[in-house]
Amino acid sequence: MTAFLDRLATAVLGERPGGRIPARVQDIILRQQRHGEILIGWVQFALGLVFAALWAVAPKTGQLAEFQPVPWALTAYLAFTTARLVAAHRGRLPDWAVMASIVLDMALLMGLIWSFHIQYMQPPAFYLKAPTLLYVFIFIALRALRFEPKYVIVAGVVAALGWAGLLWYSVSGGMLIMNPVTRDYVAYLTSNRILVGGEIDKILSILLVTGILAIAVGRARRVLLRAVADSVAARDLARFVSPEIAERIASAERPIRAGEGELRTATVLFTDIEGFSTISEKVSPQTLSAMLNDYFTALSDVIVRHGGAIIHFQGDALLVGFNTVVGDADHAANALRAALGIRKICETRSFGPGLALKTRCGINTGPMTVGAVGAGEQLVFTCHGDEVNVAARLEQLNKQHGTYVLASHSTRVAAGDRFAYREIGAITVRGRATPTVVYAVEGANETG
């Protein structure tokens, strides 16, 4: 039975959000509901002003009673709406207060409609033809702004009960008409007679509209919960990859699959801290973590400034792509600028407990594949290929040559003469049979 009810609820309301809803997601929904309650308050306040304006300008025809209940009812409604609006702005409307305000809303509206027969000195059946009943549907629809079906249901049920009460009063209290009930539709429309079936139709309409709107709100709420949960999760997960990669994944026309890469000519930059193992032995894990955070923040500022995207954090090392995630026609030069900027930062400042972190950089340009790799549902967005491996080897060669920025011949050709180079020579890097001409990048030329 439980399984059947769950399937029925899913068919009617949509798929239930999976797992426990985190507190931060619930807080976001709660803030939206509070804003919705404020909007409801303003709309109802505006409706009260419209009611008052219409009553003020409407011609007063027929014989009126000395006591005028409408102004009193409108004044009470405006006062109540104003008080609730203030409470909503202050965030002091708990569930019970919202429920009570819904009941009071409908009670004031029904009281206003009921007062018409006193106002115009007519039998109670007179108010059953008041078009003011249509405002009931506005009040019910307004409750949808809270994204909570229960408020819609309460508003609809109270409205239906209120109209049923007015119908009962008009039938049992038809003081000026003997046997006020009729089955003649013409007599119903042209006199103060009561067509019970017609009034029941109104009650059924109220309940049907309430049910349909409650289902719509229930479906919307489940979609909203899933959307907010996904949005929060995506925002949190985006902190573990570069914003550029997160944006690329989020804006993809279809789900990214493993092995679907794009071949492009790009430049990659590998960085690594010199003597990191020795440094890590001298400080506590907490100090090391804080130091790396400080270090990576400083490097990230330089990399982003020159159009690079951090693709991987690997311990103390970075893999940075230029023209990999974000298009960049001058990717080789920007990679060299970023490497020189990193060298300058490491020469001029310390990190953590006053530690100098000298950084070695290897840069290479060439064709590589940019895309996702992995297995099953676990993917990594990266760039790979032989040219990427060359950049990693160049970073390691810095140790042998006492340098901090090494670039390949292909990077020098792509970047042009805007930088000062010192040729190291043709070196056969590990894993490659063909020698690679390598250059130490000394700095940028004055015209660069």
Protein backbone atom coordinates (compact mmCIF):
# COMPACT_ATOMS: atom_id res chain seq x y z
CA MET A 1 0.00 0.00 0.00
CA THR A 2 2.82 2.38 0.89
CA ALA A 3 4.56 1.67 -2.40
CA PHE A 4 1.32 2.39 -4.29
CA LEU A 5 0.86 5.70 -2.48
CA ASP A 6 4.45 6.66 -3.22
CA ARG A 7 3.96 5.91 -6.92
CA LEU A 8 0.71 7.87 -6.91
CA ALA A 9 2.39 10.85 -5.21
CA THR A 10 5.20 10.74 -7.75
CA ALA A 11 2.73 10.60 -10.64
CA VAL A 12 0.76 13.57 -9.28
CA LEU A 13 3.46 15.72 -7.71
CA GLY A 14 6.57 14.67 -9.62
CA GLU A 15 9.73 12.99 -8.44
CA ARG A 16 10.57 13.52 -4.79
CA PRO A 17 13.96 15.17 -4.11
CA GLY A 18 16.43 12.40 -3.29
CA GLY A 19 18.01 12.09 0.14
CA ARG A 20 17.89 14.54 3.01
CA ILE A 21 17.50 18.20 2.10
CA PRO A 22 20.58 20.02 3.52
CA ALA A 23 19.94 22.81 6.00
CA ARG A 24 21.46 25.44 3.69
CA VAL A 25 19.01 24.43 0.93
CA GLN A 26 16.11 24.68 3.38
CA ASP A 27 17.34 28.14 4.39
CA ILE A 28 17.28 29.28 0.76
CA ILE A 29 13.71 27.98 0.33
CA LEU A 30 12.69 29.62 3.60
CA ARG A 31 14.06 32.98 2.44
CA GLN A 32 12.09 32.64 -0.80
CA GLN A 33 8.95 31.87 1.20
CA ARG A 34 9.47 34.93 3.37
CA HIS A 35 9.88 37.09 0.29
CA GLY A 36 6.73 35.48 -1.10
CA GLU A 37 4.81 36.32 2.07
CA ILE A 38 5.94 39.94 1.77
CA LEU A 39 4.74 40.01 -1.84
CA ILE A 40 1.41 38.49 -0.77
CA GLY A 41 1.05 41.17 1.88
CA TRP A 42 1.64 43.99 -0.59
CA VAL A 43 -0.82 42.53 -3.12
CA GLN A 44 -3.49 42.12 -0.47
CA PHE A 45 -2.86 45.63 0.80
CA ALA A 46 -3.30 46.89 -2.77
CA LEU A 47 -6.52 44.87 -3.07
CA GLY A 48 -7.80 46.48 0.10
CA LEU A 49 -7.15 49.92 -1.37
CA VAL A 50 -8.94 48.86 -4.57
CA PHE A 51 -11.92 47.65 -2.52
CA ALA A 52 -12.05 50.95 -0.69
CA ALA A 53 -11.71 53.01 -3.87
CA LEU A 54 -14.44 51.05 -5.65
CA TRP A 55 -16.80 51.45 -2.72
CA ALA A 56 -16.07 55.18 -2.49
CA VAL A 57 -16.71 55.93 -6.17
CA ALA A 58 -19.59 53.49 -6.74
CA PRO A 59 -23.03 55.18 -6.93
CA LYS A 60 -25.15 54.37 -3.87
CA THR A 61 -28.42 53.20 -5.39
CA GLY A 62 -31.48 51.93 -3.64
CA GLN A 63 -32.49 52.32 -0.04
CA LEU A 64 -29.48 52.03 2.25
CA ALA A 65 -29.48 51.15 5.92
CA GLU A 66 -28.36 53.76 8.41
CA PHE A 67 -25.51 51.51 9.52
CA GLN A 68 -22.88 51.08 6.79
CA PRO A 69 -20.91 47.86 7.53
CA VAL A 70 -18.76 47.94 4.37
CA PRO A 71 -16.45 50.80 5.46
CA TRP A 72 -15.93 49.11 8.81
CA ALA A 73 -15.11 45.79 7.16
CA LEU A 74 -12.69 47.46 4.72
CA THR A 75 -11.02 49.38 7.54
CA ALA A 76 -10.58 46.17 9.56
CA TYR A 77 -9.17 44.37 6.51
CA LEU A 78 -6.67 47.17 5.74
CA ALA A 79 -5.57 47.36 9.38
CA PHE A 80 -5.06 43.60 9.55
CA THR A 81 -3.21 43.51 6.22
CA THR A 82 -0.94 46.35 7.29
CA ALA A 83 -0.06 44.61 10.56
CA ARG A 84 0.67 41.35 8.75
CA LEU A 85 2.80 43.15 6.15
CA VAL A 86 4.91 44.71 8.89
CA ALA A 87 5.31 41.31 10.57
CA ALA A 88 6.31 39.73 7.23
CA HIS A 89 9.00 42.36 6.66
CA ARG A 90 10.35 41.67 10.14
CA GLY A 91 10.33 37.91 9.56
CA ARG A 92 7.88 37.29 12.40
CA LEU A 93 5.25 35.18 10.69
CA PRO A 94 5.47 31.56 11.87
CA ASP A 95 3.30 28.89 10.26
CA TRP A 96 0.48 29.21 12.74
CA ALA A 97 0.31 32.96 12.18
CA VAL A 98 0.17 32.47 8.40
CA MET A 99 -2.61 29.90 8.81
CA ALA A 100 -4.51 32.22 11.13
CA SER A 101 -4.12 35.12 8.72
CA ILE A 102 -5.53 32.99 5.86
CA VAL A 103 -8.59 32.15 7.93
CA LEU A 104 -9.01 35.78 8.96
CA ASP A 105 -8.59 36.93 5.34
CA MET A 106 -11.42 34.72 4.20
CA ALA A 107 -13.54 35.55 7.24
CA LEU A 108 -13.22 39.28 6.51
CA LEU A 109 -14.06 38.74 2.84
CA MET A 110 -17.06 36.55 3.66
CA GLY A 111 -18.13 39.05 6.32
CA LEU A 112 -17.92 41.81 3.74
CA ILE A 113 -20.09 39.82 1.32
CA TRP A 114 -22.54 38.92 4.09
CA SER A 115 -22.91 42.59 5.01
CA PHE A 116 -24.28 43.48 1.59
CA HIS A 117 -27.82 42.37 2.45
CA ILE A 118 -27.74 44.59 5.54
CA GLN A 119 -26.19 47.47 3.60
CA TYR A 120 -28.94 47.36 0.98
CA MET A 121 -31.72 46.08 3.27
CA GLN A 122 -32.31 42.95 1.20
CA PRO A 123 -32.87 39.26 2.03
CA PRO A 124 -29.70 37.24 2.67
CA ALA A 125 -29.97 35.63 -0.78
CA PHE A 126 -29.03 39.06 -2.17
CA TYR A 127 -25.36 38.61 -1.29
CA LEU A 128 -25.11 35.27 -3.11
CA LYS A 129 -25.05 37.14 -6.41
CA ALA A 130 -22.26 39.51 -5.35
CA PRO A 131 -19.33 39.42 -7.83
CA THR A 132 -17.06 39.99 -4.82
CA LEU A 133 -16.93 36.19 -4.55
CA LEU A 134 -14.40 36.23 -7.42
CA TYR A 135 -11.83 37.75 -5.06
CA VAL A 136 -11.80 34.37 -3.30
CA PHE A 137 -9.87 32.93 -6.25
CA ILE A 138 -7.34 35.77 -6.05
CA PHE A 139 -6.78 35.05 -2.36
CA ILE A 140 -6.32 31.34 -3.06
CA ALA A 141 -3.94 31.98 -5.97
CA LEU A 142 -1.85 34.38 -3.87
CA ARG A 143 -1.03 31.52 -1.52
CA ALA A 144 0.88 29.84 -4.37
CA LEU A 145 3.62 32.46 -3.88
CA ARG A 146 4.69 30.60 -0.74
CA PHE A 147 5.45 27.38 -2.69
CA GLU A 148 3.61 25.43 0.02
CA PRO A 149 0.50 23.45 -1.04
CA LYS A 150 -0.86 23.44 2.52
CA TYR A 151 -1.49 27.19 2.45
CA VAL A 152 -3.38 26.92 -0.85
CA ILE A 153 -5.45 24.05 0.54
CA VAL A 154 -6.29 25.92 3.75
CA ALA A 155 -7.32 29.02 1.80
CA GLY A 156 -9.54 26.98 -0.55
CA VAL A 157 -11.16 24.89 2.17
CA VAL A 158 -11.89 27.94 4.34
CA ALA A 159 -13.37 29.75 1.33
CA ALA A 160 -15.57 26.75 0.47
CA LEU A 161 -16.73 26.44 4.07
CA GLY A 162 -17.35 30.17 4.24
CA TRP A 163 -19.53 30.14 1.12
CA ALA A 164 -21.35 27.03 2.37
CA GLY A 165 -22.03 28.93 5.60
CA LEU A 166 -23.39 31.91 3.69
CA LEU A 167 -25.58 29.56 1.63
CA TRP A 168 -26.90 27.89 4.77
CA TYR A 169 -27.63 31.26 6.38
CA SER A 170 -29.47 32.53 3.29
CA VAL A 171 -31.58 29.36 3.06
CA SER A 172 -32.41 29.16 6.76
CA GLY A 173 -32.67 32.87 7.36
CA GLY A 174 -34.68 34.04 4.33
CA MET A 175 -36.65 36.41 6.50
CA LEU A 176 -38.31 38.46 3.78
CA ILE A 177 -39.12 35.58 1.42
CA MET A 178 -41.12 32.49 2.17
CA ASN A 179 -39.53 29.37 0.63
CA PRO A 180 -36.54 31.24 -0.87
CA VAL A 181 -35.19 28.12 -2.61
CA THR A 182 -36.08 27.67 -6.28
CA ARG A 183 -35.20 25.39 -9.17
CA ASP A 184 -36.08 28.03 -11.73
CA TYR A 185 -32.86 29.46 -13.18
CA VAL A 186 -34.60 32.60 -14.45
CA ALA A 187 -36.17 33.25 -11.05
CA TYR A 188 -32.74 32.72 -9.49
CA LEU A 189 -31.15 35.35 -11.74
CA THR A 190 -33.97 37.92 -11.61
CA SER A 191 -34.98 37.78 -7.97
CA ASN A 192 -33.71 37.07 -4.47
CA ARG A 193 -34.47 33.39 -4.85
CA ILE A 194 -31.78 30.75 -4.24
CA LEU A 195 -30.72 28.06 -6.70
CA VAL A 196 -28.94 25.65 -4.38
CA GLY A 197 -27.36 23.73 -7.24
CA GLY A 198 -25.84 26.94 -8.59
CA GLU A 199 -24.29 27.77 -5.23
CA ILE A 200 -22.97 24.23 -4.87
CA ASP A 201 -21.36 24.68 -8.28
CA LYS A 202 -19.53 27.70 -6.86
CA ILE A 203 -18.32 25.64 -3.91
CA LEU A 204 -17.16 22.82 -6.19
CA SER A 205 -15.37 25.35 -8.40
CA ILE A 206 -13.54 26.73 -5.39
CA LEU A 207 -12.48 23.26 -4.30
CA LEU A 208 -11.45 22.15 -7.80
CA VAL A 209 -9.39 25.28 -8.39
CA THR A 210 -7.82 24.77 -4.97
CA GLY A 211 -6.96 21.14 -5.73
CA ILE A 212 -5.48 21.89 -9.15
CA LEU A 213 -3.46 24.82 -7.82
CA ALA A 214 -2.25 22.77 -4.82
CA ILE A 215 -1.02 20.03 -7.17
CA ALA A 216 0.72 22.61 -9.36
CA VAL A 217 2.36 24.19 -6.32
CA GLY A 218 3.36 20.77 -4.98
CA ARG A 219 5.00 19.87 -8.29
CA ALA A 220 6.69 23.27 -8.47
CA ARG A 221 7.96 22.91 -4.91
CA ARG A 222 9.60 19.56 -5.68
CA VAL A 223 11.19 20.99 -8.80
CA LEU A 224 12.32 24.01 -6.80
CA LEU A 225 13.86 21.84 -4.09
CA ARG A 226 15.76 19.78 -6.63
CA ALA A 227 16.84 22.88 -8.56
CA VAL A 228 18.08 24.68 -5.44
CA ALA A 229 19.82 21.54 -4.16
CA ASP A 230 21.50 21.04 -7.55
CA SER A 231 22.45 24.70 -7.73
CA VAL A 232 24.01 24.67 -4.25
CA ALA A 233 25.83 21.41 -4.99
CA ALA A 234 27.10 22.77 -8.32
CA ARG A 235 28.29 25.96 -6.64
CA ASP A 236 30.10 23.97 -3.97
CA LEU A 237 31.60 21.53 -6.46
CA ALA A 238 32.69 24.42 -8.69
CA ARG A 239 35.10 25.41 -5.93
CA PHE A 240 37.02 22.21 -6.61
CA VAL A 241 37.65 23.11 -10.26
CA SER A 242 38.42 26.38 -11.99
CA PRO A 243 35.46 28.67 -12.71
CA GLU A 244 36.24 28.36 -16.42
CA ILE A 245 35.91 24.57 -16.34
CA ALA A 246 32.73 24.79 -14.25
CA GLU A 247 31.23 27.25 -16.74
CA ARG A 248 32.15 25.04 -19.68
CA ILE A 249 30.55 21.99 -18.08
CA ALA A 250 27.43 23.92 -17.05
CA SER A 251 26.94 25.48 -20.50
CA ALA A 252 27.43 22.26 -22.47
CA GLU A 253 24.51 21.53 -24.80
CA ARG A 254 24.49 17.87 -23.74
CA PRO A 255 26.06 15.83 -20.93
CA ILE A 256 29.82 15.54 -21.22
CA ARG A 257 30.97 11.96 -21.71
CA ALA A 258 34.34 10.37 -21.07
CA GLY A 259 36.58 10.30 -24.12
CA GLU A 260 34.76 13.12 -25.92
CA GLY A 261 37.63 15.55 -26.25
CA GLU A 262 38.37 18.46 -28.53
CA LEU A 263 41.68 18.58 -30.37
CA ARG A 264 43.20 22.07 -30.29
CA THR A 265 46.56 23.80 -30.29
CA ALA A 266 47.15 25.14 -26.81
CA THR A 267 49.84 25.86 -24.23
CA VAL A 268 50.20 24.15 -20.88
CA LEU A 269 52.15 25.30 -17.85
CA PHE A 270 53.33 22.95 -15.11
CA THR A 271 54.43 24.40 -11.77
CA ASP A 272 56.11 22.72 -8.79
CA ILE A 273 57.59 24.04 -5.54
CA GLU A 274 61.33 23.53 -5.18
CA GLY A 275 62.21 21.41 -2.13
CA PHE A 276 58.63 20.96 -1.05
CA SER A 277 59.28 17.63 0.68
CA THR A 278 61.90 19.25 2.90
CA ILE A 279 59.57 22.16 3.70
CA SER A 280 56.68 19.83 4.57
CA GLU A 281 58.86 18.01 7.12
CA LYS A 282 59.55 21.24 9.02
CA VAL A 283 55.99 22.47 9.56
CA SER A 284 52.81 21.00 11.00
CA PRO A 285 50.06 19.73 8.65
CA GLN A 286 47.84 22.67 9.65
CA THR A 287 50.58 25.18 8.89
CA LEU A 288 51.37 23.41 5.61
CA SER A 289 47.73 23.52 4.54
CA ALA A 290 47.42 27.24 5.37
CA MET A 291 50.67 27.95 3.55
CA LEU A 292 49.52 26.13 0.41
CA ASN A 293 46.20 27.96 0.45
CA ASP A 294 48.06 31.27 0.62
CA TYR A 295 50.43 30.15 -2.14
CA PHE A 296 47.73 28.85 -4.48
CA THR A 297 45.67 32.00 -4.01
CA ALA A 298 48.60 34.16 -5.04
CA LEU A 299 49.37 31.99 -8.09
CA SER A 300 45.72 31.82 -9.10
CA ASP A 301 45.50 35.62 -9.25
CA VAL A 302 48.42 35.72 -11.70
CA ILE A 303 47.12 32.83 -13.79
CA VAL A 304 43.61 34.23 -14.12
CA ARG A 305 44.96 37.68 -14.94
CA HIS A 306 46.73 36.20 -17.97
CA GLY A 307 43.80 34.11 -19.17
CA GLY A 308 44.87 30.72 -17.83
CA ALA A 309 42.65 28.05 -16.28
CA ILE A 310 43.86 25.85 -13.44
CA ILE A 311 43.02 22.33 -14.59
CA HIS A 312 44.55 20.29 -11.77
CA PHE A 313 45.94 20.72 -8.27
CA GLN A 314 48.38 17.86 -7.71
CA GLY A 315 49.82 18.19 -4.24
CA ASP A 316 51.99 21.31 -4.47
CA ALA A 317 51.93 21.26 -8.29
CA LEU A 318 49.61 22.90 -10.78
CA LEU A 319 48.59 22.06 -14.34
CA VAL A 320 47.44 25.24 -16.07
CA GLY A 321 45.94 25.46 -19.55
CA PHE A 322 45.92 28.39 -21.96
CA ASN A 323 43.47 28.18 -24.87
CA THR A 324 42.23 24.92 -23.42
CA VAL A 325 39.02 25.91 -21.64
CA VAL A 326 38.77 29.56 -22.69
CA GLY A 327 39.72 30.63 -26.20
CA ASP A 328 42.99 32.62 -26.36
CA ALA A 329 44.78 33.42 -29.64
CA ASP A 330 47.90 34.59 -27.74
CA HIS A 331 48.05 31.59 -25.43
CA ALA A 332 51.82 30.94 -25.64
CA ALA A 333 52.76 34.52 -24.70
CA ASN A 334 50.18 34.58 -21.92
CA ALA A 335 51.57 31.36 -20.49
CA LEU A 336 55.07 32.90 -20.41
CA ARG A 337 53.71 36.05 -18.79
CA ALA A 338 51.99 33.94 -16.13
CA ALA A 339 55.19 31.95 -15.47
CA LEU A 340 57.26 35.13 -15.11
CA GLY A 341 54.58 36.57 -12.83
CA ILE A 342 54.72 33.46 -10.66
CA ARG A 343 58.53 33.70 -10.47
CA LYS A 344 58.31 37.35 -9.45
CA ILE A 345 55.77 36.65 -6.69
CA CYS A 346 57.90 33.83 -5.29
CA GLU A 347 60.99 36.09 -5.30
CA THR A 348 59.32 39.04 -3.59
CA ARG A 349 57.08 37.55 -0.89
CA SER A 350 56.87 34.75 1.62
CA PHE A 351 54.04 32.36 2.47
CA GLY A 352 52.67 30.94 5.68
CA PRO A 353 55.17 31.29 8.55
CA GLY A 354 57.57 33.43 6.48
CA LEU A 355 58.63 30.70 4.04
CA ALA A 356 60.02 31.42 0.58
CA LEU A 357 58.57 29.05 -1.99
CA LYS A 358 60.60 29.01 -5.19
CA THR A 359 58.54 27.63 -8.05
CA ARG A 360 59.73 25.82 -11.15
CA CYS A 361 57.71 26.13 -14.36
CA GLY A 362 57.66 24.09 -17.55
CA ILE A 363 55.82 25.38 -20.63
CA ASN A 364 55.04 23.72 -23.94
CA THR A 365 52.80 24.49 -26.92
CA GLY A 366 51.26 22.06 -29.35
CA PRO A 367 48.20 20.01 -30.31
CA MET A 368 46.45 18.33 -27.40
CA THR A 369 43.07 16.90 -26.49
CA VAL A 370 40.87 18.89 -24.13
CA GLY A 371 37.95 17.06 -22.54
CA ALA A 372 36.78 14.58 -19.94
CA VAL A 373 38.44 11.33 -19.02
CA GLY A 374 37.42 8.81 -16.41
CA ALA A 375 35.28 5.77 -15.76
CA GLY A 376 31.55 5.50 -15.29
CA GLU A 377 30.13 8.52 -13.51
CA GLN A 378 33.50 9.78 -12.22
CA LEU A 379 35.10 12.12 -14.73
CA VAL A 380 37.99 14.55 -14.72
CA PHE A 381 38.14 17.48 -17.12
CA THR A 382 41.71 17.76 -18.34
CA CYS A 383 44.03 18.17 -21.30
CA HIS A 384 46.21 15.27 -22.35
CA GLY A 385 48.58 14.20 -25.06
CA ASP A 386 52.31 14.06 -25.77
CA GLU A 387 52.68 17.85 -25.69
CA VAL A 388 51.32 17.92 -22.15
CA ASN A 389 53.88 15.32 -21.07
CA VAL A 390 56.68 17.46 -22.55
CA ALA A 391 55.65 20.42 -20.37
CA ALA A 392 55.79 18.18 -17.29
CA ARG A 393 59.32 17.00 -18.25
CA LEU A 394 60.47 20.58 -18.80
CA GLU A 395 59.37 21.51 -15.31
CA GLN A 396 61.53 18.69 -13.94
CA LEU A 397 64.54 19.75 -16.07
CA ASN A 398 64.72 23.05 -14.18
CA LYS A 399 66.37 21.21 -11.33
CA GLN A 400 69.26 20.05 -13.54
CA HIS A 401 69.92 23.45 -15.08
CA GLY A 402 69.36 25.72 -12.08
CA THR A 403 66.49 27.51 -13.82
CA TYR A 404 62.89 28.30 -12.86
CA VAL A 405 61.13 28.85 -16.19
CA LEU A 406 61.80 26.51 -19.11
CA ALA A 407 59.93 26.64 -22.40
CA SER A 408 60.00 24.53 -25.54
CA HIS A 409 60.97 25.72 -29.00
CA SER A 410 57.33 25.53 -30.10
CA THR A 411 56.34 27.90 -27.30
CA ARG A 412 59.11 30.34 -28.25
CA VAL A 413 57.96 30.32 -31.89
CA ALA A 414 54.31 30.88 -30.89
CA ALA A 415 55.16 33.63 -28.36
CA GLY A 416 57.59 35.45 -30.65
CA ASP A 417 60.42 37.74 -29.66
CA ARG A 418 58.54 39.55 -26.90
CA PHE A 419 60.59 37.68 -24.29
CA ALA A 420 64.28 37.25 -23.51
CA TYR A 421 65.40 33.63 -23.96
CA ARG A 422 68.58 31.74 -23.20
CA GLU A 423 68.97 28.56 -25.17
CA ILE A 424 69.67 25.52 -23.05
CA GLY A 425 70.07 23.19 -26.02
CA ALA A 426 68.46 20.20 -27.65
CA ILE A 427 67.47 17.80 -24.92
CA THR A 428 65.87 14.39 -25.22
CA VAL A 429 63.21 14.48 -22.55
CA ARG A 430 62.19 11.28 -20.86
CA GLY A 431 59.59 9.39 -22.88
CA ARG A 432 60.50 11.02 -26.19
CA ALA A 433 62.92 9.88 -28.90
CA THR A 434 63.19 13.22 -30.71
CA PRO A 435 65.29 15.91 -28.98
CA THR A 436 63.46 19.05 -27.87
CA VAL A 437 65.12 22.45 -28.06
CA VAL A 438 64.66 24.07 -24.67
CA TYR A 439 64.97 27.71 -23.60
CA ALA A 440 65.24 29.38 -20.22
CA VAL A 441 62.91 32.37 -20.16
CA GLU A 442 64.82 35.25 -18.59
CA GLY A 443 62.14 37.92 -18.76
CA ALA A 444 60.00 40.07 -21.02
CA ASN A 445 61.48 42.50 -23.52
CA GLU A 446 60.73 46.19 -23.06
CA THR A 447 58.55 46.12 -26.17
CA GLY A 448 56.70 43.00 -25.03
